[in-house]
Every structure is written in structure tokens, then in C-alpha cells.
Amino acid sequence: MKELLSELNQLIADFTKDANLQAENGVKAAGTRARKASLAIEKQLKEFRKLSIEASKN
């Protein structure tokens, strides 16, 4: 679970950096990276939800 949270934190940091680059400087490539990161975040959050439910059953 700790590894998953670490990965999530890194993905969120990457997303934030790229989203800011797109919003503030209009960098199109950063927008593409931010959208890709958002999909990866969604996938990791689903995994977190699954592990969290399993842990609460124990």
C-alpha cells in the first residue's frame, strides 16, 4: 500500500507540473503529458480503492 501511495504522489506531482506548464505558458506537449498522467492517476486510484476495501475487510 505504501508503494502505491508513493507512486500516486509522484504521478500527482508530474500532473501538476505539466498542467501548470500548459496553463501558464501554453506548452502543448505539457498538456499531452498532463492528460496521460491523469489517466495513470485514475488507474492507480482504482487500485487503491480495491486494496483499501480488501484491507477494511480484515
C-alpha atoms as a PDB file:
ATOM      1  CA  MET A   1       0.000   0.000   0.000  1.00  0.00           C
ATOM      2  CA  LYS A   2       2.868   2.397   0.822  1.00  0.00           C
ATOM      3  CA  GLU A   3       4.425   1.810  -2.588  1.00  0.00           C
ATOM      4  CA  LEU A   4       1.113   2.562  -4.283  1.00  0.00           C
ATOM      5  CA  LEU A   5       0.778   5.810  -2.329  1.00  0.00           C
ATOM      6  CA  SER A   6       4.312   6.782  -3.288  1.00  0.00           C
ATOM      7  CA  GLU A   7       3.550   6.169  -6.960  1.00  0.00           C
ATOM      8  CA  LEU A   8       0.341   8.185  -6.671  1.00  0.00           C
ATOM      9  CA  ASN A   9       2.184  11.105  -5.102  1.00  0.00           C
ATOM     10  CA  GLN A  10       4.736  11.084  -7.930  1.00  0.00           C
ATOM     11  CA  LEU A  11       2.029  10.922 -10.601  1.00  0.00           C
ATOM     12  CA  ILE A  12       0.152  13.800  -8.998  1.00  0.00           C
ATOM     13  CA  ALA A  13       3.344  15.873  -8.831  1.00  0.00           C
ATOM     14  CA  ASP A  14       4.051  15.178 -12.515  1.00  0.00           C
ATOM     15  CA  PHE A  15       0.473  16.040 -13.459  1.00  0.00           C
ATOM     16  CA  THR A  16       0.562  19.285 -11.503  1.00  0.00           C
ATOM     17  CA  LYS A  17       3.859  20.357 -13.076  1.00  0.00           C
ATOM     18  CA  ASP A  18       2.693  19.636 -16.626  1.00  0.00           C
ATOM     19  CA  ALA A  19      -0.780  21.097 -16.135  1.00  0.00           C
ATOM     20  CA  ASN A  20       0.763  24.321 -14.835  1.00  0.00           C
ATOM     21  CA  LEU A  21       3.138  24.481 -17.788  1.00  0.00           C
ATOM     22  CA  GLN A  22       0.207  24.202 -20.172  1.00  0.00           C
ATOM     23  CA  ALA A  23      -1.986  26.686 -18.318  1.00  0.00           C
ATOM     24  CA  GLU A  24       0.692  29.313 -17.686  1.00  0.00           C
ATOM     25  CA  ASN A  25       2.924  29.004 -20.737  1.00  0.00           C
ATOM     26  CA  GLY A  26       0.684  27.323 -23.303  1.00  0.00           C
ATOM     27  CA  VAL A  27       3.055  24.357 -23.769  1.00  0.00           C
ATOM     28  CA  LYS A  28       1.033  21.880 -25.837  1.00  0.00           C
ATOM     29  CA  ALA A  29       3.326  18.921 -25.125  1.00  0.00           C
ATOM     30  CA  ALA A  30       2.892  19.505 -21.391  1.00  0.00           C
ATOM     31  CA  GLY A  31      -0.873  19.296 -21.878  1.00  0.00           C
ATOM     32  CA  THR A  32      -0.466  15.923 -23.537  1.00  0.00           C
ATOM     33  CA  ARG A  33       1.724  14.698 -20.669  1.00  0.00           C
ATOM     34  CA  ALA A  34      -0.804  16.006 -18.120  1.00  0.00           C
ATOM     35  CA  ARG A  35      -3.663  14.153 -19.811  1.00  0.00           C
ATOM     36  CA  LYS A  36      -1.589  10.962 -19.882  1.00  0.00           C
ATOM     37  CA  ALA A  37      -0.742  11.395 -16.194  1.00  0.00           C
ATOM     38  CA  SER A  38      -4.422  11.902 -15.352  1.00  0.00           C
ATOM     39  CA  LEU A  39      -5.233   8.518 -16.873  1.00  0.00           C
ATOM     40  CA  ALA A  40      -2.429   6.884 -14.888  1.00  0.00           C
ATOM     41  CA  ILE A  41      -3.703   8.566 -11.710  1.00  0.00           C
ATOM     42  CA  GLU A  42      -7.194   7.237 -12.380  1.00  0.00           C
ATOM     43  CA  LYS A  43      -5.820   3.702 -12.790  1.00  0.00           C
ATOM     44  CA  GLN A  44      -3.796   3.934  -9.560  1.00  0.00           C
ATOM     45  CA  LEU A  45      -6.786   5.328  -7.640  1.00  0.00           C
ATOM     46  CA  LYS A  46      -8.877   2.356  -8.720  1.00  0.00           C
ATOM     47  CA  GLU A  47      -6.134   0.049  -7.449  1.00  0.00           C
ATOM     48  CA  PHE A  48      -6.005   1.991  -4.167  1.00  0.00           C
ATOM     49  CA  ARG A  49      -9.774   1.668  -3.777  1.00  0.00           C
ATOM     50  CA  LYS A  50      -9.520  -2.092  -4.339  1.00  0.00           C
ATOM     51  CA  LEU A  51      -6.709  -2.523  -1.801  1.00  0.00           C
ATOM     52  CA  SER A  52      -8.437  -0.279   0.709  1.00  0.00           C
ATOM     53  CA  ILE A  53     -11.635  -2.344   0.562  1.00  0.00           C
ATOM     54  CA  GLU A  54      -9.649  -5.560   0.996  1.00  0.00           C
ATOM     55  CA  ALA A  55      -7.820  -4.106   3.999  1.00  0.00           C
ATOM     56  CA  SER A  56     -11.043  -2.978   5.667  1.00  0.00           C
ATOM     57  CA  LYS A  57     -12.477  -6.492   5.453  1.00  0.00           C
ATOM     58  CA  ASN A  58      -9.631  -7.896   7.550  1.00  0.00           C
END
